[in-house]
Amino acid sequence: MTPQDRELNPEILTEIARHPGVTLAGSIYAVAEADRFAAAQRLERAGLWIHADVIMDDRRHRGVDLSLVRTLAERRTGPLDIHVIAPELDGLIDEICARKVDRVTFPFESCADHDAVADTAERIRASGAAAWLAVAPATELSAVRPCFEMVDGLLVMLIEPGSTGAADPALAAKAGQTRPALPAGVDGGVDAANLGVCLQAGADYVVSGRALFSTAPAAPTPPTHTVPKP
């Protein structure tokens, strides 16, 4: 069964529905490469955002391929949030901005200083996209606070960007510390078990990957015992 046919996790959808004003995005990096376009279409039909991790590591592209980003943008499939995960941003940011997406999220840790954050955000906005700043787990919010007025939102990573593993829900507290200046979201290992903590912390944008595209198996039907007739 492909993501196009499979239902999205009802526990996550139900919990989000209980919090008006919270936006849910599905991370298509969490599904097999061959299924990502179908997954994006499924998210669009459900009225959710599409979150695509574009990763460059050791001069190699991995994560969601830029050709898929181009296809989704050309077909106006979205809303589309491109999360850039790379040590060097310049060329990659320009390449993504040329696609005319809805939002570009870039890592604070890849910027040399606050001026570099402002410059990157300015280039993103010039393309018509919103500029969000991602913050790695080890980064203190105090280091990022001077950048609040430079960007349109903050994405708090609950695991190391581009990695897999269990989320640290305690990090979601950062999302509640940006108000009223800035909207904030959470990303990385968000599932039905820790979603409530993230929402209570103040996240108003939630990215879920593997958990959103999987549903809990149905409980097995108890065996029927036939009572012999006397």
C-alpha atoms as a PDB file:
ATOM      1  CA  MET A   1       0.000   0.000   0.000  1.00  0.00           C
ATOM      2  CA  THR A   2       1.441   3.375  -1.003  1.00  0.00           C
ATOM      3  CA  PRO A   3       1.114   6.655   0.940  1.00  0.00           C
ATOM      4  CA  GLN A   4      -1.416   7.711  -1.684  1.00  0.00           C
ATOM      5  CA  ASP A   5      -3.756   4.938  -0.591  1.00  0.00           C
ATOM      6  CA  ARG A   6      -2.945   4.771   3.108  1.00  0.00           C
ATOM      7  CA  GLU A   7      -4.766   6.856   5.690  1.00  0.00           C
ATOM      8  CA  LEU A   8      -2.763   9.365   7.685  1.00  0.00           C
ATOM      9  CA  ASN A   9      -2.434   8.677  11.390  1.00  0.00           C
ATOM     10  CA  PRO A  10      -5.874   9.428  12.881  1.00  0.00           C
ATOM     11  CA  GLU A  11      -4.511  10.012  16.406  1.00  0.00           C
ATOM     12  CA  ILE A  12      -2.315  12.846  15.178  1.00  0.00           C
ATOM     13  CA  LEU A  13      -5.052  14.354  13.014  1.00  0.00           C
ATOM     14  CA  THR A  14      -7.566  14.223  15.870  1.00  0.00           C
ATOM     15  CA  GLU A  15      -5.192  15.891  18.334  1.00  0.00           C
ATOM     16  CA  ILE A  16      -4.345  18.667  15.855  1.00  0.00           C
ATOM     17  CA  ALA A  17      -8.057  19.241  15.196  1.00  0.00           C
ATOM     18  CA  ARG A  18      -8.493  19.903  18.918  1.00  0.00           C
ATOM     19  CA  HIS A  19      -6.118  22.866  18.644  1.00  0.00           C
ATOM     20  CA  PRO A  20      -7.488  25.445  16.178  1.00  0.00           C
ATOM     21  CA  GLY A  21      -4.759  27.596  14.723  1.00  0.00           C
ATOM     22  CA  VAL A  22      -2.106  24.866  14.785  1.00  0.00           C
ATOM     23  CA  THR A  23      -0.715  23.895  11.368  1.00  0.00           C
ATOM     24  CA  LEU A  24       0.307  20.300  10.660  1.00  0.00           C
ATOM     25  CA  ALA A  25       2.908  19.386   8.031  1.00  0.00           C
ATOM     26  CA  GLY A  26       3.956  15.964   6.815  1.00  0.00           C
ATOM     27  CA  SER A  27       7.658  15.308   6.189  1.00  0.00           C
ATOM     28  CA  ILE A  28       7.929  13.491   2.869  1.00  0.00           C
ATOM     29  CA  TYR A  29      11.579  12.644   3.584  1.00  0.00           C
ATOM     30  CA  ALA A  30      10.169  10.049   5.980  1.00  0.00           C
ATOM     31  CA  VAL A  31       8.768   7.886   3.176  1.00  0.00           C
ATOM     32  CA  ALA A  32      10.599   5.934   0.484  1.00  0.00           C
ATOM     33  CA  GLU A  33      11.887   8.072  -2.374  1.00  0.00           C
ATOM     34  CA  ALA A  34       9.589   6.426  -4.906  1.00  0.00           C
ATOM     35  CA  ASP A  35       6.554   7.282  -2.754  1.00  0.00           C
ATOM     36  CA  ARG A  36       7.321  10.933  -1.993  1.00  0.00           C
ATOM     37  CA  PHE A  37       5.327  12.507  -4.801  1.00  0.00           C
ATOM     38  CA  ALA A  38       2.278  10.426  -3.888  1.00  0.00           C
ATOM     39  CA  ALA A  39       2.781  11.333  -0.221  1.00  0.00           C
ATOM     40  CA  ALA A  40       2.855  15.041  -1.113  1.00  0.00           C
ATOM     41  CA  GLN A  41      -0.393  14.696  -3.032  1.00  0.00           C
ATOM     42  CA  ARG A  42      -1.969  12.897  -0.085  1.00  0.00           C
ATOM     43  CA  LEU A  43      -0.972  15.718   2.250  1.00  0.00           C
ATOM     44  CA  GLU A  44      -2.369  18.332  -0.110  1.00  0.00           C
ATOM     45  CA  ARG A  45      -5.694  16.515  -0.326  1.00  0.00           C
ATOM     46  CA  ALA A  46      -5.828  16.414   3.468  1.00  0.00           C
ATOM     47  CA  GLY A  47      -5.257  20.184   3.638  1.00  0.00           C
ATOM     48  CA  LEU A  48      -1.840  19.822   5.294  1.00  0.00           C
ATOM     49  CA  TRP A  49       1.528  21.421   4.580  1.00  0.00           C
ATOM     50  CA  ILE A  50       4.244  19.504   2.739  1.00  0.00           C
ATOM     51  CA  HIS A  51       7.606  19.617   4.517  1.00  0.00           C
ATOM     52  CA  ALA A  52      10.601  18.552   2.416  1.00  0.00           C
ATOM     53  CA  ASP A  53      14.082  18.118   3.868  1.00  0.00           C
ATOM     54  CA  VAL A  54      16.729  19.001   1.274  1.00  0.00           C
ATOM     55  CA  ILE A  55      20.034  17.833   2.688  1.00  0.00           C
ATOM     56  CA  MET A  56      23.548  18.444   1.427  1.00  0.00           C
ATOM     57  CA  ASP A  57      26.313  16.639   3.268  1.00  0.00           C
ATOM     58  CA  ASP A  58      29.939  16.295   2.109  1.00  0.00           C
ATOM     59  CA  ARG A  59      29.007  18.008  -1.180  1.00  0.00           C
ATOM     60  CA  ARG A  60      26.369  15.368  -1.917  1.00  0.00           C
ATOM     61  CA  HIS A  61      22.647  15.964  -2.213  1.00  0.00           C
ATOM     62  CA  ARG A  62      20.487  13.623  -0.219  1.00  0.00           C
ATOM     63  CA  GLY A  63      17.092  13.889   1.383  1.00  0.00           C
ATOM     64  CA  VAL A  64      14.328  15.084  -0.934  1.00  0.00           C
ATOM     65  CA  ASP A  65      15.681  15.545  -4.435  1.00  0.00           C
ATOM     66  CA  LEU A  66      15.567  19.026  -5.919  1.00  0.00           C
ATOM     67  CA  SER A  67      13.874  17.644  -9.022  1.00  0.00           C
ATOM     68  CA  LEU A  68      10.881  16.689  -6.860  1.00  0.00           C
ATOM     69  CA  VAL A  69      10.865  20.157  -5.295  1.00  0.00           C
ATOM     70  CA  ARG A  70      10.748  21.613  -8.793  1.00  0.00           C
ATOM     71  CA  THR A  71       7.896  19.285  -9.820  1.00  0.00           C
ATOM     72  CA  LEU A  72       5.835  20.084  -6.730  1.00  0.00           C
ATOM     73  CA  ALA A  73       6.386  23.820  -7.180  1.00  0.00           C
ATOM     74  CA  GLU A  74       5.537  23.739 -10.896  1.00  0.00           C
ATOM     75  CA  ARG A  75       2.322  21.828 -10.177  1.00  0.00           C
ATOM     76  CA  ARG A  76       1.542  24.178  -7.303  1.00  0.00           C
ATOM     77  CA  THR A  77       1.303  21.236  -4.925  1.00  0.00           C
ATOM     78  CA  GLY A  78       1.383  22.598  -1.438  1.00  0.00           C
ATOM     79  CA  PRO A  79       1.697  24.634   0.697  1.00  0.00           C
ATOM     80  CA  LEU A  80       5.353  23.683   0.393  1.00  0.00           C
ATOM     81  CA  ASP A  81       7.967  24.190   3.123  1.00  0.00           C
ATOM     82  CA  ILE A  82      11.542  23.377   2.082  1.00  0.00           C
ATOM     83  CA  HIS A  83      13.850  22.696   5.013  1.00  0.00           C
ATOM     84  CA  VAL A  84      17.462  23.204   3.962  1.00  0.00           C
ATOM     85  CA  ILE A  85      19.959  21.157   5.969  1.00  0.00           C
ATOM     86  CA  ALA A  86      23.502  21.945   4.886  1.00  0.00           C
ATOM     87  CA  PRO A  87      26.736  23.417   6.245  1.00  0.00           C
ATOM     88  CA  GLU A  88      26.901  25.935   3.378  1.00  0.00           C
ATOM     89  CA  LEU A  89      23.697  27.666   2.289  1.00  0.00           C
ATOM     90  CA  ASP A  90      24.441  30.158  -0.479  1.00  0.00           C
ATOM     91  CA  GLY A  91      24.045  28.165  -3.699  1.00  0.00           C
ATOM     92  CA  LEU A  92      21.436  25.832  -2.294  1.00  0.00           C
ATOM     93  CA  ILE A  93      19.228  28.653  -1.019  1.00  0.00           C
ATOM     94  CA  ASP A  94      19.319  30.385  -4.402  1.00  0.00           C
ATOM     95  CA  GLU A  95      18.489  27.140  -6.196  1.00  0.00           C
ATOM     96  CA  ILE A  96      15.472  26.497  -3.970  1.00  0.00           C
ATOM     97  CA  CYS A  97      14.235  30.090  -4.071  1.00  0.00           C
ATOM     98  CA  ALA A  98      14.134  29.852  -7.853  1.00  0.00           C
ATOM     99  CA  ARG A  99      11.427  27.174  -7.463  1.00  0.00           C
ATOM    100  CA  LYS A 100       8.901  29.645  -5.996  1.00  0.00           C
ATOM    101  CA  VAL A 101       7.929  27.665  -2.907  1.00  0.00           C
ATOM    102  CA  ASP A 102       5.829  28.898   0.035  1.00  0.00           C
ATOM    103  CA  ARG A 103       8.441  28.723   2.788  1.00  0.00           C
ATOM    104  CA  VAL A 104      12.162  28.084   3.113  1.00  0.00           C
ATOM    105  CA  THR A 105      13.475  26.985   6.509  1.00  0.00           C
ATOM    106  CA  PHE A 106      17.235  27.283   7.026  1.00  0.00           C
ATOM    107  CA  PRO A 107      19.533  26.372   9.944  1.00  0.00           C
ATOM    108  CA  PHE A 108      20.778  29.001  12.343  1.00  0.00           C
ATOM    109  CA  GLU A 109      23.925  26.949  12.883  1.00  0.00           C
ATOM    110  CA  SER A 110      24.943  27.256   9.211  1.00  0.00           C
ATOM    111  CA  CYS A 111      25.020  31.048   9.375  1.00  0.00           C
ATOM    112  CA  ALA A 112      28.294  32.719  10.297  1.00  0.00           C
ATOM    113  CA  ASP A 113      26.624  35.477  12.292  1.00  0.00           C
ATOM    114  CA  HIS A 114      23.395  37.422  12.693  1.00  0.00           C
ATOM    115  CA  ASP A 115      24.107  39.440   9.560  1.00  0.00           C
ATOM    116  CA  ALA A 116      24.227  36.184   7.594  1.00  0.00           C
ATOM    117  CA  VAL A 117      20.828  35.212   9.023  1.00  0.00           C
ATOM    118  CA  ALA A 118      19.386  38.555   7.938  1.00  0.00           C
ATOM    119  CA  ASP A 119      20.906  38.280   4.455  1.00  0.00           C
ATOM    120  CA  THR A 120      19.590  34.743   3.920  1.00  0.00           C
ATOM    121  CA  ALA A 121      16.120  35.673   5.123  1.00  0.00           C
ATOM    122  CA  GLU A 122      16.098  38.705   2.842  1.00  0.00           C
ATOM    123  CA  ARG A 123      16.976  36.602  -0.210  1.00  0.00           C
ATOM    124  CA  ILE A 124      14.238  34.100   0.652  1.00  0.00           C
ATOM    125  CA  ARG A 125      11.615  36.800   1.073  1.00  0.00           C
ATOM    126  CA  ALA A 126      12.673  38.402  -2.214  1.00  0.00           C
ATOM    127  CA  SER A 127      11.608  35.165  -3.932  1.00  0.00           C
ATOM    128  CA  GLY A 128       8.123  35.447  -2.429  1.00  0.00           C
ATOM    129  CA  ALA A 129       8.626  32.763   0.227  1.00  0.00           C
ATOM    130  CA  ALA A 130       8.465  33.094   4.000  1.00  0.00           C
ATOM    131  CA  ALA A 131      11.796  32.703   5.807  1.00  0.00           C
ATOM    132  CA  TRP A 132      11.902  30.442   8.871  1.00  0.00           C
ATOM    133  CA  LEU A 133      14.918  29.674  11.009  1.00  0.00           C
ATOM    134  CA  ALA A 134      15.618  26.147  12.293  1.00  0.00           C
ATOM    135  CA  VAL A 135      17.346  25.693  15.650  1.00  0.00           C
ATOM    136  CA  ALA A 136      19.285  22.519  16.504  1.00  0.00           C
ATOM    137  CA  PRO A 137      18.743  20.807  19.886  1.00  0.00           C
ATOM    138  CA  ALA A 138      22.012  22.009  21.421  1.00  0.00           C
ATOM    139  CA  THR A 139      21.491  25.673  20.492  1.00  0.00           C
ATOM    140  CA  GLU A 140      20.297  27.924  23.297  1.00  0.00           C
ATOM    141  CA  LEU A 141      17.376  30.162  22.428  1.00  0.00           C
ATOM    142  CA  SER A 142      19.235  33.135  23.842  1.00  0.00           C
ATOM    143  CA  ALA A 143      21.710  32.868  20.955  1.00  0.00           C
ATOM    144  CA  VAL A 144      18.865  33.048  18.438  1.00  0.00           C
ATOM    145  CA  ARG A 145      16.695  35.707  20.053  1.00  0.00           C
ATOM    146  CA  PRO A 146      18.456  38.661  18.326  1.00  0.00           C
ATOM    147  CA  CYS A 147      17.338  37.115  15.005  1.00  0.00           C
ATOM    148  CA  PHE A 148      13.631  37.049  15.822  1.00  0.00           C
ATOM    149  CA  GLU A 149      12.922  40.299  14.000  1.00  0.00           C
ATOM    150  CA  MET A 150      14.809  39.059  10.921  1.00  0.00           C
ATOM    151  CA  VAL A 151      12.695  35.965  10.174  1.00  0.00           C
ATOM    152  CA  ASP A 152       9.049  34.930   9.903  1.00  0.00           C
ATOM    153  CA  GLY A 153       9.133  31.922  12.229  1.00  0.00           C
ATOM    154  CA  LEU A 154      11.276  29.534  14.252  1.00  0.00           C
ATOM    155  CA  LEU A 155      11.447  25.754  13.835  1.00  0.00           C
ATOM    156  CA  VAL A 156      12.644  23.975  16.971  1.00  0.00           C
ATOM    157  CA  MET A 157      14.371  20.673  16.205  1.00  0.00           C
ATOM    158  CA  LEU A 158      13.683  17.899  18.704  1.00  0.00           C
ATOM    159  CA  ILE A 159      16.401  15.710  17.178  1.00  0.00           C
ATOM    160  CA  GLU A 160      19.528  16.555  15.208  1.00  0.00           C
ATOM    161  CA  PRO A 161      18.506  17.826  11.745  1.00  0.00           C
ATOM    162  CA  GLY A 162      18.675  15.121   9.084  1.00  0.00           C
ATOM    163  CA  SER A 163      18.902  12.304  11.623  1.00  0.00           C
ATOM    164  CA  THR A 164      16.446   9.792  13.020  1.00  0.00           C
ATOM    165  CA  GLY A 165      15.799   8.798  16.572  1.00  0.00           C
ATOM    166  CA  ALA A 166      13.619   9.534  19.555  1.00  0.00           C
ATOM    167  CA  ALA A 167      12.515  13.129  20.056  1.00  0.00           C
ATOM    168  CA  ASP A 168      13.305  15.062  23.200  1.00  0.00           C
ATOM    169  CA  PRO A 169       9.913  16.663  23.951  1.00  0.00           C
ATOM    170  CA  ALA A 170      11.485  18.892  26.614  1.00  0.00           C
ATOM    171  CA  LEU A 171      13.056  20.894  23.799  1.00  0.00           C
ATOM    172  CA  ALA A 172       9.572  21.914  22.648  1.00  0.00           C
ATOM    173  CA  ALA A 173       9.551  24.449  25.476  1.00  0.00           C
ATOM    174  CA  LYS A 174      11.628  26.689  23.197  1.00  0.00           C
ATOM    175  CA  ALA A 175       8.617  27.012  20.888  1.00  0.00           C
ATOM    176  CA  GLY A 176       6.614  28.672  23.643  1.00  0.00           C
ATOM    177  CA  GLN A 177       9.339  31.200  24.381  1.00  0.00           C
ATOM    178  CA  THR A 178       9.166  33.093  21.087  1.00  0.00           C
ATOM    179  CA  ARG A 179       5.771  34.672  21.640  1.00  0.00           C
ATOM    180  CA  PRO A 180       4.462  37.211  20.982  1.00  0.00           C
ATOM    181  CA  ALA A 181       7.288  38.137  18.648  1.00  0.00           C
ATOM    182  CA  LEU A 182       7.371  35.064  16.448  1.00  0.00           C
ATOM    183  CA  PRO A 183       5.383  31.928  15.544  1.00  0.00           C
ATOM    184  CA  ALA A 184       7.238  28.692  16.271  1.00  0.00           C
ATOM    185  CA  GLY A 185       7.038  25.035  15.355  1.00  0.00           C
ATOM    186  CA  VAL A 186       8.599  21.683  16.215  1.00  0.00           C
ATOM    187  CA  ASP A 187      10.151  19.022  14.005  1.00  0.00           C
ATOM    188  CA  GLY A 188      11.872  15.688  14.523  1.00  0.00           C
ATOM    189  CA  GLY A 189      10.341  12.497  15.887  1.00  0.00           C
ATOM    190  CA  VAL A 190       6.924  14.015  16.585  1.00  0.00           C
ATOM    191  CA  ASP A 191       4.348  11.264  17.104  1.00  0.00           C
ATOM    192  CA  ALA A 192       1.014  10.701  18.831  1.00  0.00           C
ATOM    193  CA  ALA A 193       2.736  10.072  22.175  1.00  0.00           C
ATOM    194  CA  ASN A 194       4.645  13.370  22.392  1.00  0.00           C
ATOM    195  CA  LEU A 195       2.407  15.613  20.287  1.00  0.00           C
ATOM    196  CA  GLY A 196       0.398  16.786  23.298  1.00  0.00           C
ATOM    197  CA  VAL A 197       3.558  17.962  25.070  1.00  0.00           C
ATOM    198  CA  CYS A 198       4.594  19.921  21.975  1.00  0.00           C
ATOM    199  CA  LEU A 199       1.224  21.618  21.699  1.00  0.00           C
ATOM    200  CA  GLN A 200       1.084  22.437  25.403  1.00  0.00           C
ATOM    201  CA  ALA A 201       4.541  23.993  25.078  1.00  0.00           C
ATOM    202  CA  GLY A 202       3.159  26.451  22.536  1.00  0.00           C
ATOM    203  CA  ALA A 203       4.025  25.046  19.107  1.00  0.00           C
ATOM    204  CA  ASP A 204       1.719  26.327  16.413  1.00  0.00           C
ATOM    205  CA  TYR A 205       3.421  24.497  13.519  1.00  0.00           C
ATOM    206  CA  VAL A 206       4.070  20.757  13.825  1.00  0.00           C
ATOM    207  CA  VAL A 207       6.084  18.582  11.443  1.00  0.00           C
ATOM    208  CA  SER A 208       5.542  14.830  11.660  1.00  0.00           C
ATOM    209  CA  GLY A 209       7.115  12.210   9.425  1.00  0.00           C
ATOM    210  CA  ARG A 210       7.104   8.469  10.004  1.00  0.00           C
ATOM    211  CA  ALA A 211       4.386   8.665  12.644  1.00  0.00           C
ATOM    212  CA  LEU A 212       2.007  10.649  10.426  1.00  0.00           C
ATOM    213  CA  PHE A 213       2.383   8.260   7.501  1.00  0.00           C
ATOM    214  CA  SER A 214       1.796   5.170   9.625  1.00  0.00           C
ATOM    215  CA  THR A 215      -1.248   4.005  11.479  1.00  0.00           C
ATOM    216  CA  ALA A 216      -1.426   1.700  14.434  1.00  0.00           C
ATOM    217  CA  PRO A 217      -2.428  -1.830  13.440  1.00  0.00           C
ATOM    218  CA  ALA A 218      -5.984  -2.744  14.228  1.00  0.00           C
ATOM    219  CA  ALA A 219      -6.479  -4.721  17.396  1.00  0.00           C
ATOM    220  CA  PRO A 220      -6.783  -8.433  16.644  1.00  0.00           C
ATOM    221  CA  THR A 221     -10.286  -9.854  16.723  1.00  0.00           C
ATOM    222  CA  PRO A 222     -10.742 -12.115  19.734  1.00  0.00           C
ATOM    223  CA  PRO A 223     -11.196 -15.740  18.769  1.00  0.00           C
ATOM    224  CA  THR A 224     -14.739 -16.985  18.686  1.00  0.00           C
ATOM    225  CA  HIS A 225     -15.332 -20.001  20.836  1.00  0.00           C
ATOM    226  CA  THR A 226     -18.160 -22.297  19.825  1.00  0.00           C
ATOM    227  CA  VAL A 227     -20.031 -23.696  22.786  1.00  0.00           C
ATOM    228  CA  PRO A 228     -20.989 -27.274  22.058  1.00  0.00           C
ATOM    229  CA  LYS A 229     -24.632 -28.030  22.231  1.00  0.00           C
ATOM    230  CA  PRO A 230     -25.687 -30.216  25.125  1.00  0.00           C
END
